[in-house]
Amino acid sequence: MLHVINTDNLNFSYTKEIKIIESLSLKVPKNSIYGFLGPNGSGKTTTIRLILGLIKASSGTILIGEQAIDKNRIQVLSNIGALIENPSLYEHLSAIDNLKITANYRGSISKERITEVLDIVKLSHVTFKKVKTFSLGMKQRLSLALALISKPQLLILDEPTNGLDPKGILEMRNLITHLNQTENITILVSSHLLSEIEKMCTHVGIINYGKLVFQGSISELKAIKSQQLNLHIEVDDIEKSIEIVKKINHNASIINKVTIHTVINTKNSIPKLIDELRLHGIKIYQFKIDENLENLFLNLTK
């Protein structure tokens, strides 16, 4: 499998005592949408800055394609588009003027390409409007247009849906998927929202405290999820039910006055659990297997 981003044993720290990134080996497959996931402060933005050569690693290697970022930074960056944290835009200028400024320092960007990227991000109807009149979602899409202007092979997006309303999140998600499928761009998307990563990504890496705790395809992540089932059980006697579940070697916690939560390893454990509760006179009103990946994410990053 060809990897567009390949880091090996990457380390970074500001001091000897505290490691921000530790032994990180990212493998981002060509033509994938790779979700880089982790809680706030886990090291996602620092990793992206390392990949782009904005800060220097303490040790380890970073390859973009087959080129080392520390040896051919200018050449490597010419094939990368990036949107990091808050978009930097000239708000007193129009959308097209912002793109023209970027085109000037990028060099060799045609007028047709400027028009094309505005159309790609669905902003052609506000070409000449000042950016200060834009919504946050429109500003994010304009920033994405700036990142796309040089026809990059790799696109790196740091929390692209931050602060957006549901409509803006959906628009950005659809746009990312469209770029991957129609423009053949490999995309790395960092986020702390597993629900968004699950909906648009083909692969995922989960980082916590600077360490990679999972890396693989979405289907592989779901396979791990199936090994640990989260159960929600609504009962008539919450305290007694908690005691019973704990006695048969299951962790249990109270969700509300009538519902307990427990985690089991296989579905084969469910009948035994139900039988044990009923044997002790517990009435079960509702039983649900939680299929959401959020719990797995919390287990991996707790």
C-alpha atoms as a PDB file:
ATOM      1  CA  MET A   1       0.000   0.000   0.000  1.00  0.00           C
ATOM      2  CA  LEU A   2       1.312   3.429  -0.966  1.00  0.00           C
ATOM      3  CA  HIS A   3       1.417   5.984   1.836  1.00  0.00           C
ATOM      4  CA  VAL A   4       1.253   9.737   1.197  1.00  0.00           C
ATOM      5  CA  ILE A   5       2.263  10.530   4.800  1.00  0.00           C
ATOM      6  CA  ASN A   6       4.678   8.202   6.546  1.00  0.00           C
ATOM      7  CA  THR A   7       6.153   9.163   9.910  1.00  0.00           C
ATOM      8  CA  ASP A   8       8.471   6.822  11.772  1.00  0.00           C
ATOM      9  CA  ASN A   9       9.101   7.000  15.515  1.00  0.00           C
ATOM     10  CA  LEU A  10       8.320  10.715  15.606  1.00  0.00           C
ATOM     11  CA  ASN A  11       9.095  12.536  18.860  1.00  0.00           C
ATOM     12  CA  PHE A  12       8.695  16.149  19.928  1.00  0.00           C
ATOM     13  CA  SER A  13       9.026  17.959  23.234  1.00  0.00           C
ATOM     14  CA  TYR A  14       9.558  21.487  24.511  1.00  0.00           C
ATOM     15  CA  THR A  15      11.375  20.191  27.592  1.00  0.00           C
ATOM     16  CA  LYS A  16      13.176  16.944  28.454  1.00  0.00           C
ATOM     17  CA  GLU A  17      10.588  16.107  31.102  1.00  0.00           C
ATOM     18  CA  ILE A  18       7.388  16.425  29.036  1.00  0.00           C
ATOM     19  CA  LYS A  19       6.957  14.657  25.688  1.00  0.00           C
ATOM     20  CA  ILE A  20       4.269  16.225  23.481  1.00  0.00           C
ATOM     21  CA  ILE A  21       4.595  13.605  20.709  1.00  0.00           C
ATOM     22  CA  GLU A  22       6.016  10.173  21.489  1.00  0.00           C
ATOM     23  CA  SER A  23       7.072   7.425  19.046  1.00  0.00           C
ATOM     24  CA  LEU A  24       4.367   8.420  16.546  1.00  0.00           C
ATOM     25  CA  SER A  25       4.201   6.411  13.318  1.00  0.00           C
ATOM     26  CA  LEU A  26       1.409   7.620  11.044  1.00  0.00           C
ATOM     27  CA  LYS A  27       0.624   5.772   7.810  1.00  0.00           C
ATOM     28  CA  VAL A  28      -1.806   7.709   5.606  1.00  0.00           C
ATOM     29  CA  PRO A  29      -2.769   5.647   2.510  1.00  0.00           C
ATOM     30  CA  LYS A  30      -2.871   7.284  -0.918  1.00  0.00           C
ATOM     31  CA  ASN A  31      -6.378   8.469  -1.960  1.00  0.00           C
ATOM     32  CA  SER A  32      -7.754   7.936   1.552  1.00  0.00           C
ATOM     33  CA  ILE A  33      -9.629  10.276   3.857  1.00  0.00           C
ATOM     34  CA  TYR A  34      -7.643   9.754   7.041  1.00  0.00           C
ATOM     35  CA  GLY A  35      -9.293  10.898  10.252  1.00  0.00           C
ATOM     36  CA  PHE A  36      -6.755  12.024  12.836  1.00  0.00           C
ATOM     37  CA  LEU A  37      -8.699  11.800  16.042  1.00  0.00           C
ATOM     38  CA  GLY A  38      -8.047  12.692  19.648  1.00  0.00           C
ATOM     39  CA  PRO A  39      -9.252  14.793  22.591  1.00  0.00           C
ATOM     40  CA  ASN A  40      -8.358  18.475  22.713  1.00  0.00           C
ATOM     41  CA  GLY A  41      -4.703  18.799  23.715  1.00  0.00           C
ATOM     42  CA  SER A  42      -3.787  15.274  22.599  1.00  0.00           C
ATOM     43  CA  GLY A  43      -1.144  16.422  20.092  1.00  0.00           C
ATOM     44  CA  LYS A  44      -3.081  16.602  16.801  1.00  0.00           C
ATOM     45  CA  THR A  45      -2.163  20.168  15.838  1.00  0.00           C
ATOM     46  CA  THR A  46       1.454  19.676  16.952  1.00  0.00           C
ATOM     47  CA  THR A  47       1.697  16.599  14.715  1.00  0.00           C
ATOM     48  CA  ILE A  48       0.308  18.557  11.763  1.00  0.00           C
ATOM     49  CA  ARG A  49       2.834  21.337  12.351  1.00  0.00           C
ATOM     50  CA  LEU A  50       5.601  18.722  12.375  1.00  0.00           C
ATOM     51  CA  ILE A  51       4.334  17.208   9.108  1.00  0.00           C
ATOM     52  CA  LEU A  52       4.313  20.652   7.464  1.00  0.00           C
ATOM     53  CA  GLY A  53       7.780  21.474   8.760  1.00  0.00           C
ATOM     54  CA  LEU A  54       6.533  24.417  10.835  1.00  0.00           C
ATOM     55  CA  ILE A  55       8.323  22.998  13.871  1.00  0.00           C
ATOM     56  CA  LYS A  56      11.222  20.565  14.012  1.00  0.00           C
ATOM     57  CA  ALA A  57      10.930  17.065  15.461  1.00  0.00           C
ATOM     58  CA  SER A  58      13.197  16.058  18.340  1.00  0.00           C
ATOM     59  CA  SER A  59      13.758  12.744  16.529  1.00  0.00           C
ATOM     60  CA  GLY A  60      12.172  10.499  13.920  1.00  0.00           C
ATOM     61  CA  THR A  61      11.456  10.888  10.205  1.00  0.00           C
ATOM     62  CA  ILE A  62       8.638  12.383   8.142  1.00  0.00           C
ATOM     63  CA  LEU A  63       8.121  11.344   4.528  1.00  0.00           C
ATOM     64  CA  ILE A  64       5.579  12.926   2.199  1.00  0.00           C
ATOM     65  CA  GLY A  65       5.424  10.408  -0.598  1.00  0.00           C
ATOM     66  CA  GLU A  66       9.071   9.456  -0.854  1.00  0.00           C
ATOM     67  CA  GLN A  67      10.476  12.868   0.113  1.00  0.00           C
ATOM     68  CA  ALA A  68      11.708  13.891   3.551  1.00  0.00           C
ATOM     69  CA  ILE A  69      10.078  17.135   4.692  1.00  0.00           C
ATOM     70  CA  ASP A  70      13.276  18.359   6.408  1.00  0.00           C
ATOM     71  CA  LYS A  71      15.350  18.008   3.222  1.00  0.00           C
ATOM     72  CA  ASN A  72      12.966  19.191   0.493  1.00  0.00           C
ATOM     73  CA  ARG A  73      10.473  21.368   2.382  1.00  0.00           C
ATOM     74  CA  ILE A  74       9.691  23.911  -0.364  1.00  0.00           C
ATOM     75  CA  GLN A  75       9.252  21.240  -3.031  1.00  0.00           C
ATOM     76  CA  VAL A  76       7.170  19.018  -0.745  1.00  0.00           C
ATOM     77  CA  LEU A  77       4.900  21.865   0.381  1.00  0.00           C
ATOM     78  CA  SER A  78       4.149  22.793  -3.236  1.00  0.00           C
ATOM     79  CA  ASN A  79       2.018  19.619  -3.408  1.00  0.00           C
ATOM     80  CA  ILE A  80       0.239  20.194  -0.067  1.00  0.00           C
ATOM     81  CA  GLY A  81      -2.775  22.332   0.770  1.00  0.00           C
ATOM     82  CA  ALA A  82      -3.401  23.048   4.451  1.00  0.00           C
ATOM     83  CA  LEU A  83      -6.034  24.651   6.636  1.00  0.00           C
ATOM     84  CA  ILE A  84      -4.778  24.945  10.210  1.00  0.00           C
ATOM     85  CA  GLU A  85      -6.874  26.261  13.100  1.00  0.00           C
ATOM     86  CA  ASN A  86      -8.623  29.590  12.386  1.00  0.00           C
ATOM     87  CA  PRO A  87      -8.596  30.709   8.736  1.00  0.00           C
ATOM     88  CA  SER A  88      -6.439  33.757   7.987  1.00  0.00           C
ATOM     89  CA  LEU A  89      -8.376  35.940   5.561  1.00  0.00           C
ATOM     90  CA  TYR A  90      -8.363  39.584   4.478  1.00  0.00           C
ATOM     91  CA  GLU A  91     -11.890  40.378   5.597  1.00  0.00           C
ATOM     92  CA  HIS A  92     -11.977  43.862   4.052  1.00  0.00           C
ATOM     93  CA  LEU A  93     -11.360  42.298   0.616  1.00  0.00           C
ATOM     94  CA  SER A  94     -13.601  40.181  -1.617  1.00  0.00           C
ATOM     95  CA  ALA A  95     -13.376  36.415  -2.000  1.00  0.00           C
ATOM     96  CA  ILE A  96     -11.692  36.678  -5.390  1.00  0.00           C
ATOM     97  CA  ASP A  97      -9.171  39.245  -4.122  1.00  0.00           C
ATOM     98  CA  ASN A  98      -8.165  36.891  -1.305  1.00  0.00           C
ATOM     99  CA  LEU A  99      -7.577  34.161  -3.883  1.00  0.00           C
ATOM    100  CA  LYS A 100      -5.602  36.505  -6.153  1.00  0.00           C
ATOM    101  CA  ILE A 101      -3.226  37.362  -3.305  1.00  0.00           C
ATOM    102  CA  THR A 102      -2.596  33.664  -2.658  1.00  0.00           C
ATOM    103  CA  ALA A 103      -2.206  33.034  -6.391  1.00  0.00           C
ATOM    104  CA  ASN A 104       0.427  35.761  -6.646  1.00  0.00           C
ATOM    105  CA  TYR A 105       2.779  34.272  -4.061  1.00  0.00           C
ATOM    106  CA  ARG A 106       2.081  30.702  -5.181  1.00  0.00           C
ATOM    107  CA  GLY A 107       2.958  31.636  -8.757  1.00  0.00           C
ATOM    108  CA  SER A 108       1.751  30.121 -12.053  1.00  0.00           C
ATOM    109  CA  ILE A 109      -1.920  30.158 -10.982  1.00  0.00           C
ATOM    110  CA  SER A 110      -4.314  30.972 -13.804  1.00  0.00           C
ATOM    111  CA  LYS A 111      -7.457  33.124 -13.582  1.00  0.00           C
ATOM    112  CA  GLU A 112      -9.401  30.033 -14.626  1.00  0.00           C
ATOM    113  CA  ARG A 113      -8.113  28.136 -11.587  1.00  0.00           C
ATOM    114  CA  ILE A 114      -9.275  30.924  -9.260  1.00  0.00           C
ATOM    115  CA  THR A 115     -12.754  30.734 -10.772  1.00  0.00           C
ATOM    116  CA  GLU A 116     -12.631  26.928 -10.613  1.00  0.00           C
ATOM    117  CA  VAL A 117     -11.849  26.699  -6.884  1.00  0.00           C
ATOM    118  CA  LEU A 118     -14.603  29.199  -6.060  1.00  0.00           C
ATOM    119  CA  ASP A 119     -16.984  26.923  -7.906  1.00  0.00           C
ATOM    120  CA  ILE A 120     -15.627  23.804  -6.164  1.00  0.00           C
ATOM    121  CA  VAL A 121     -16.317  25.267  -2.702  1.00  0.00           C
ATOM    122  CA  LYS A 122     -19.662  26.670  -3.870  1.00  0.00           C
ATOM    123  CA  LEU A 123     -18.811  30.349  -3.417  1.00  0.00           C
ATOM    124  CA  SER A 124     -19.037  31.527  -7.018  1.00  0.00           C
ATOM    125  CA  HIS A 125     -22.226  33.457  -6.150  1.00  0.00           C
ATOM    126  CA  VAL A 126     -20.260  35.675  -3.704  1.00  0.00           C
ATOM    127  CA  THR A 127     -17.125  36.128  -5.803  1.00  0.00           C
ATOM    128  CA  PHE A 128     -17.029  39.913  -5.365  1.00  0.00           C
ATOM    129  CA  LYS A 129     -18.534  40.203  -1.871  1.00  0.00           C
ATOM    130  CA  LYS A 130     -16.352  41.273   1.046  1.00  0.00           C
ATOM    131  CA  VAL A 131     -15.333  38.428   3.328  1.00  0.00           C
ATOM    132  CA  LYS A 132     -16.471  40.301   6.468  1.00  0.00           C
ATOM    133  CA  THR A 133     -20.073  39.675   5.342  1.00  0.00           C
ATOM    134  CA  PHE A 134     -19.517  35.900   5.190  1.00  0.00           C
ATOM    135  CA  SER A 135     -20.781  33.358   7.718  1.00  0.00           C
ATOM    136  CA  LEU A 136     -18.199  31.198   9.507  1.00  0.00           C
ATOM    137  CA  GLY A 137     -19.023  28.288   7.191  1.00  0.00           C
ATOM    138  CA  MET A 138     -18.410  30.446   4.120  1.00  0.00           C
ATOM    139  CA  LYS A 139     -15.093  31.634   5.554  1.00  0.00           C
ATOM    140  CA  GLN A 140     -14.050  28.040   6.147  1.00  0.00           C
ATOM    141  CA  ARG A 141     -14.906  27.164   2.544  1.00  0.00           C
ATOM    142  CA  LEU A 142     -12.972  30.173   1.246  1.00  0.00           C
ATOM    143  CA  SER A 143      -9.968  29.073   3.314  1.00  0.00           C
ATOM    144  CA  LEU A 144     -10.343  25.644   1.752  1.00  0.00           C
ATOM    145  CA  ALA A 145     -10.359  27.290  -1.694  1.00  0.00           C
ATOM    146  CA  LEU A 146      -7.033  28.953  -0.797  1.00  0.00           C
ATOM    147  CA  ALA A 147      -5.613  25.545   0.127  1.00  0.00           C
ATOM    148  CA  LEU A 148      -6.841  24.051  -3.169  1.00  0.00           C
ATOM    149  CA  ILE A 149      -5.604  26.771  -5.497  1.00  0.00           C
ATOM    150  CA  SER A 150      -2.346  25.019  -6.452  1.00  0.00           C
ATOM    151  CA  LYS A 151      -4.037  21.642  -7.156  1.00  0.00           C
ATOM    152  CA  PRO A 152      -2.452  19.821  -4.195  1.00  0.00           C
ATOM    153  CA  GLN A 153      -2.128  16.041  -4.052  1.00  0.00           C
ATOM    154  CA  LEU A 154      -2.452  16.130  -0.260  1.00  0.00           C
ATOM    155  CA  LEU A 155      -4.869  18.234   1.783  1.00  0.00           C
ATOM    156  CA  ILE A 156      -4.402  18.670   5.553  1.00  0.00           C
ATOM    157  CA  LEU A 157      -7.354  20.072   7.512  1.00  0.00           C
ATOM    158  CA  ASP A 158      -7.136  20.854  11.222  1.00  0.00           C
ATOM    159  CA  GLU A 159     -10.594  20.834  12.868  1.00  0.00           C
ATOM    160  CA  PRO A 160     -12.359  22.101   9.701  1.00  0.00           C
ATOM    161  CA  THR A 161     -15.833  21.944  11.294  1.00  0.00           C
ATOM    162  CA  ASN A 162     -14.908  23.811  14.494  1.00  0.00           C
ATOM    163  CA  GLY A 163     -17.604  26.318  15.440  1.00  0.00           C
ATOM    164  CA  LEU A 164     -19.856  25.469  12.495  1.00  0.00           C
ATOM    165  CA  ASP A 165     -23.596  24.945  12.833  1.00  0.00           C
ATOM    166  CA  PRO A 166     -25.125  21.609  11.662  1.00  0.00           C
ATOM    167  CA  LYS A 167     -25.687  22.950   8.133  1.00  0.00           C
ATOM    168  CA  GLY A 168     -22.084  24.153   7.904  1.00  0.00           C
ATOM    169  CA  ILE A 169     -20.770  20.824   9.213  1.00  0.00           C
ATOM    170  CA  LEU A 170     -22.770  18.915   6.590  1.00  0.00           C
ATOM    171  CA  GLU A 171     -21.540  21.213   3.798  1.00  0.00           C
ATOM    172  CA  MET A 172     -17.905  20.774   4.852  1.00  0.00           C
ATOM    173  CA  ARG A 173     -18.287  16.994   5.177  1.00  0.00           C
ATOM    174  CA  ASN A 174     -19.819  16.718   1.696  1.00  0.00           C
ATOM    175  CA  LEU A 175     -17.126  18.965   0.259  1.00  0.00           C
ATOM    176  CA  ILE A 176     -14.307  16.870   1.757  1.00  0.00           C
ATOM    177  CA  THR A 177     -15.843  13.661   0.400  1.00  0.00           C
ATOM    178  CA  HIS A 178     -16.332  15.276  -3.023  1.00  0.00           C
ATOM    179  CA  LEU A 179     -12.705  16.432  -3.203  1.00  0.00           C
ATOM    180  CA  ASN A 180     -11.447  12.965  -2.343  1.00  0.00           C
ATOM    181  CA  GLN A 181     -13.660  11.146  -4.835  1.00  0.00           C
ATOM    182  CA  THR A 182     -13.585  13.532  -7.810  1.00  0.00           C
ATOM    183  CA  GLU A 183     -10.211  15.284  -7.466  1.00  0.00           C
ATOM    184  CA  ASN A 184      -8.301  12.198  -6.191  1.00  0.00           C
ATOM    185  CA  ILE A 185      -6.869  14.180  -3.277  1.00  0.00           C
ATOM    186  CA  THR A 186      -5.568  12.365  -0.211  1.00  0.00           C
ATOM    187  CA  ILE A 187      -7.017  14.155   2.820  1.00  0.00           C
ATOM    188  CA  LEU A 188      -5.943  14.147   6.459  1.00  0.00           C
ATOM    189  CA  VAL A 189      -8.651  15.566   8.717  1.00  0.00           C
ATOM    190  CA  SER A 190      -7.946  16.170  12.391  1.00  0.00           C
ATOM    191  CA  SER A 191     -10.916  16.301  14.740  1.00  0.00           C
ATOM    192  CA  HIS A 192     -12.071  15.530  18.265  1.00  0.00           C
ATOM    193  CA  LEU A 193     -15.517  14.505  16.930  1.00  0.00           C
ATOM    194  CA  LEU A 194     -15.659  10.764  16.263  1.00  0.00           C
ATOM    195  CA  SER A 195     -19.159  11.032  14.794  1.00  0.00           C
ATOM    196  CA  GLU A 196     -17.844  13.247  11.964  1.00  0.00           C
ATOM    197  CA  ILE A 197     -14.793  11.053  11.324  1.00  0.00           C
ATOM    198  CA  GLU A 198     -16.993   7.955  11.142  1.00  0.00           C
ATOM    199  CA  LYS A 199     -19.268   9.537   8.511  1.00  0.00           C
ATOM    200  CA  MET A 200     -16.618  10.632   6.001  1.00  0.00           C
ATOM    201  CA  CYS A 201     -13.290   8.847   6.591  1.00  0.00           C
ATOM    202  CA  THR A 202     -11.889   5.610   5.194  1.00  0.00           C
ATOM    203  CA  HIS A 203      -9.079   5.325   7.750  1.00  0.00           C
ATOM    204  CA  VAL A 204      -8.471   6.629  11.238  1.00  0.00           C
ATOM    205  CA  GLY A 205      -5.636   7.212  13.683  1.00  0.00           C
ATOM    206  CA  ILE A 206      -6.434   7.920  17.329  1.00  0.00           C
ATOM    207  CA  ILE A 207      -3.897   9.867  19.393  1.00  0.00           C
ATOM    208  CA  ASN A 208      -3.903  10.436  23.134  1.00  0.00           C
ATOM    209  CA  TYR A 209      -1.233  12.216  25.189  1.00  0.00           C
ATOM    210  CA  GLY A 210       0.986  12.265  22.088  1.00  0.00           C
ATOM    211  CA  LYS A 211       0.815   8.492  21.545  1.00  0.00           C
ATOM    212  CA  LEU A 212      -1.013   6.617  18.789  1.00  0.00           C
ATOM    213  CA  VAL A 213      -3.501   4.261  20.454  1.00  0.00           C
ATOM    214  CA  PHE A 214      -5.166   2.994  17.253  1.00  0.00           C
ATOM    215  CA  GLN A 215      -4.525   3.112  13.512  1.00  0.00           C
ATOM    216  CA  GLY A 216      -6.397   1.325  10.749  1.00  0.00           C
ATOM    217  CA  SER A 217      -9.481   1.370   8.559  1.00  0.00           C
ATOM    218  CA  ILE A 218     -12.911   2.359   9.812  1.00  0.00           C
ATOM    219  CA  SER A 219     -14.014  -1.274   9.400  1.00  0.00           C
ATOM    220  CA  GLU A 220     -11.119  -2.390  11.638  1.00  0.00           C
ATOM    221  CA  LEU A 221     -12.165   0.142  14.257  1.00  0.00           C
ATOM    222  CA  LYS A 222     -15.729  -1.161  14.128  1.00  0.00           C
ATOM    223  CA  ALA A 223     -14.400  -4.712  14.496  1.00  0.00           C
ATOM    224  CA  ILE A 224     -12.779  -3.678  17.781  1.00  0.00           C
ATOM    225  CA  LYS A 225     -16.062  -2.115  18.805  1.00  0.00           C
ATOM    226  CA  SER A 226     -17.880  -5.410  18.266  1.00  0.00           C
ATOM    227  CA  GLN A 227     -15.511  -7.092  20.744  1.00  0.00           C
ATOM    228  CA  GLN A 228     -16.770  -4.827  23.505  1.00  0.00           C
ATOM    229  CA  LEU A 229     -20.522  -4.308  23.689  1.00  0.00           C
ATOM    230  CA  ASN A 230     -22.014  -1.438  25.658  1.00  0.00           C
ATOM    231  CA  LEU A 231     -25.343  -2.413  27.214  1.00  0.00           C
ATOM    232  CA  HIS A 232     -28.038  -0.123  28.573  1.00  0.00           C
ATOM    233  CA  ILE A 233     -30.550  -1.959  30.779  1.00  0.00           C
ATOM    234  CA  GLU A 234     -33.686  -0.346  32.194  1.00  0.00           C
ATOM    235  CA  VAL A 235     -34.756  -2.076  35.426  1.00  0.00           C
ATOM    236  CA  ASP A 236     -37.106  -1.633  38.366  1.00  0.00           C
ATOM    237  CA  ASP A 237     -34.460  -1.897  41.131  1.00  0.00           C
ATOM    238  CA  ILE A 238     -31.291  -0.024  40.159  1.00  0.00           C
ATOM    239  CA  GLU A 239     -29.225  -0.670  43.315  1.00  0.00           C
ATOM    240  CA  LYS A 240     -29.901  -4.397  43.421  1.00  0.00           C
ATOM    241  CA  SER A 241     -29.216  -4.703  39.674  1.00  0.00           C
ATOM    242  CA  ILE A 242     -25.832  -2.996  40.032  1.00  0.00           C
ATOM    243  CA  GLU A 243     -24.817  -5.507  42.739  1.00  0.00           C
ATOM    244  CA  ILE A 244     -25.873  -8.493  40.610  1.00  0.00           C
ATOM    245  CA  VAL A 245     -24.066  -7.328  37.488  1.00  0.00           C
ATOM    246  CA  LYS A 246     -20.856  -6.653  39.427  1.00  0.00           C
ATOM    247  CA  LYS A 247     -20.972 -10.119  41.021  1.00  0.00           C
ATOM    248  CA  ILE A 248     -20.850 -11.808  37.605  1.00  0.00           C
ATOM    249  CA  ASN A 249     -17.625  -9.982  36.732  1.00  0.00           C
ATOM    250  CA  HIS A 250     -19.044  -7.023  34.832  1.00  0.00           C
ATOM    251  CA  ASN A 251     -18.383  -3.363  35.485  1.00  0.00           C
ATOM    252  CA  ALA A 252     -21.583  -1.415  35.969  1.00  0.00           C
ATOM    253  CA  SER A 253     -22.557   2.195  36.388  1.00  0.00           C
ATOM    254  CA  ILE A 254     -25.798   4.130  36.871  1.00  0.00           C
ATOM    255  CA  ILE A 255     -26.940   6.235  33.900  1.00  0.00           C
ATOM    256  CA  ASN A 256     -30.133   7.478  35.545  1.00  0.00           C
ATOM    257  CA  LYS A 257     -32.626   6.334  38.200  1.00  0.00           C
ATOM    258  CA  VAL A 258     -33.774   3.323  36.179  1.00  0.00           C
ATOM    259  CA  THR A 259     -30.935   2.526  33.733  1.00  0.00           C
ATOM    260  CA  ILE A 260     -27.562   0.866  34.243  1.00  0.00           C
ATOM    261  CA  HIS A 261     -24.631   0.660  31.847  1.00  0.00           C
ATOM    262  CA  THR A 262     -22.264  -2.297  31.560  1.00  0.00           C
ATOM    263  CA  VAL A 263     -19.676  -3.570  29.090  1.00  0.00           C
ATOM    264  CA  ILE A 264     -19.388  -7.223  27.985  1.00  0.00           C
ATOM    265  CA  ASN A 265     -16.920  -8.906  25.642  1.00  0.00           C
ATOM    266  CA  THR A 266     -19.272 -11.060  23.545  1.00  0.00           C
ATOM    267  CA  LYS A 267     -22.982 -11.393  22.796  1.00  0.00           C
ATOM    268  CA  ASN A 268     -22.839 -14.861  24.356  1.00  0.00           C
ATOM    269  CA  SER A 269     -22.681 -13.182  27.763  1.00  0.00           C
ATOM    270  CA  ILE A 270     -26.061 -11.482  27.301  1.00  0.00           C
ATOM    271  CA  PRO A 271     -28.382 -14.471  28.076  1.00  0.00           C
ATOM    272  CA  LYS A 272     -26.473 -15.238  31.292  1.00  0.00           C
ATOM    273  CA  LEU A 273     -26.726 -11.618  32.376  1.00  0.00           C
ATOM    274  CA  ILE A 274     -30.486 -11.466  31.681  1.00  0.00           C
ATOM    275  CA  ASP A 275     -31.116 -14.808  33.397  1.00  0.00           C
ATOM    276  CA  GLU A 276     -29.193 -13.697  36.487  1.00  0.00           C
ATOM    277  CA  LEU A 277     -31.191 -10.486  36.805  1.00  0.00           C
ATOM    278  CA  ARG A 278     -34.535 -12.262  36.384  1.00  0.00           C
ATOM    279  CA  LEU A 279     -33.481 -15.007  38.809  1.00  0.00           C
ATOM    280  CA  HIS A 280     -33.172 -12.314  41.479  1.00  0.00           C
ATOM    281  CA  GLY A 281     -36.596 -10.903  40.694  1.00  0.00           C
ATOM    282  CA  ILE A 282     -35.423  -7.911  38.663  1.00  0.00           C
ATOM    283  CA  LYS A 283     -37.924  -6.620  36.124  1.00  0.00           C
ATOM    284  CA  ILE A 284     -36.284  -5.621  32.825  1.00  0.00           C
ATOM    285  CA  TYR A 285     -38.218  -2.957  30.911  1.00  0.00           C
ATOM    286  CA  GLN A 286     -35.718  -2.198  28.167  1.00  0.00           C
ATOM    287  CA  PHE A 287     -32.455  -3.639  26.893  1.00  0.00           C
ATOM    288  CA  LYS A 288     -30.273  -1.893  24.300  1.00  0.00           C
ATOM    289  CA  ILE A 289     -26.871  -2.524  22.721  1.00  0.00           C
ATOM    290  CA  ASP A 290     -25.179   0.818  22.120  1.00  0.00           C
ATOM    291  CA  GLU A 291     -23.726   0.753  18.580  1.00  0.00           C
ATOM    292  CA  ASN A 292     -22.089   4.177  18.832  1.00  0.00           C
ATOM    293  CA  LEU A 293     -18.310   4.314  18.409  1.00  0.00           C
ATOM    294  CA  GLU A 294     -18.089   7.164  20.917  1.00  0.00           C
ATOM    295  CA  ASN A 295     -17.767   4.741  23.824  1.00  0.00           C
ATOM    296  CA  LEU A 296     -14.874   2.934  22.141  1.00  0.00           C
ATOM    297  CA  PHE A 297     -13.178   6.282  21.584  1.00  0.00           C
ATOM    298  CA  LEU A 298     -13.631   7.155  25.261  1.00  0.00           C
ATOM    299  CA  ASN A 299     -12.231   3.765  26.287  1.00  0.00           C
ATOM    300  CA  LEU A 300      -9.165   4.240  24.072  1.00  0.00           C
ATOM    301  CA  THR A 301      -8.473   7.768  25.297  1.00  0.00           C
ATOM    302  CA  LYS A 302      -9.492   7.688  28.953  1.00  0.00           C
END
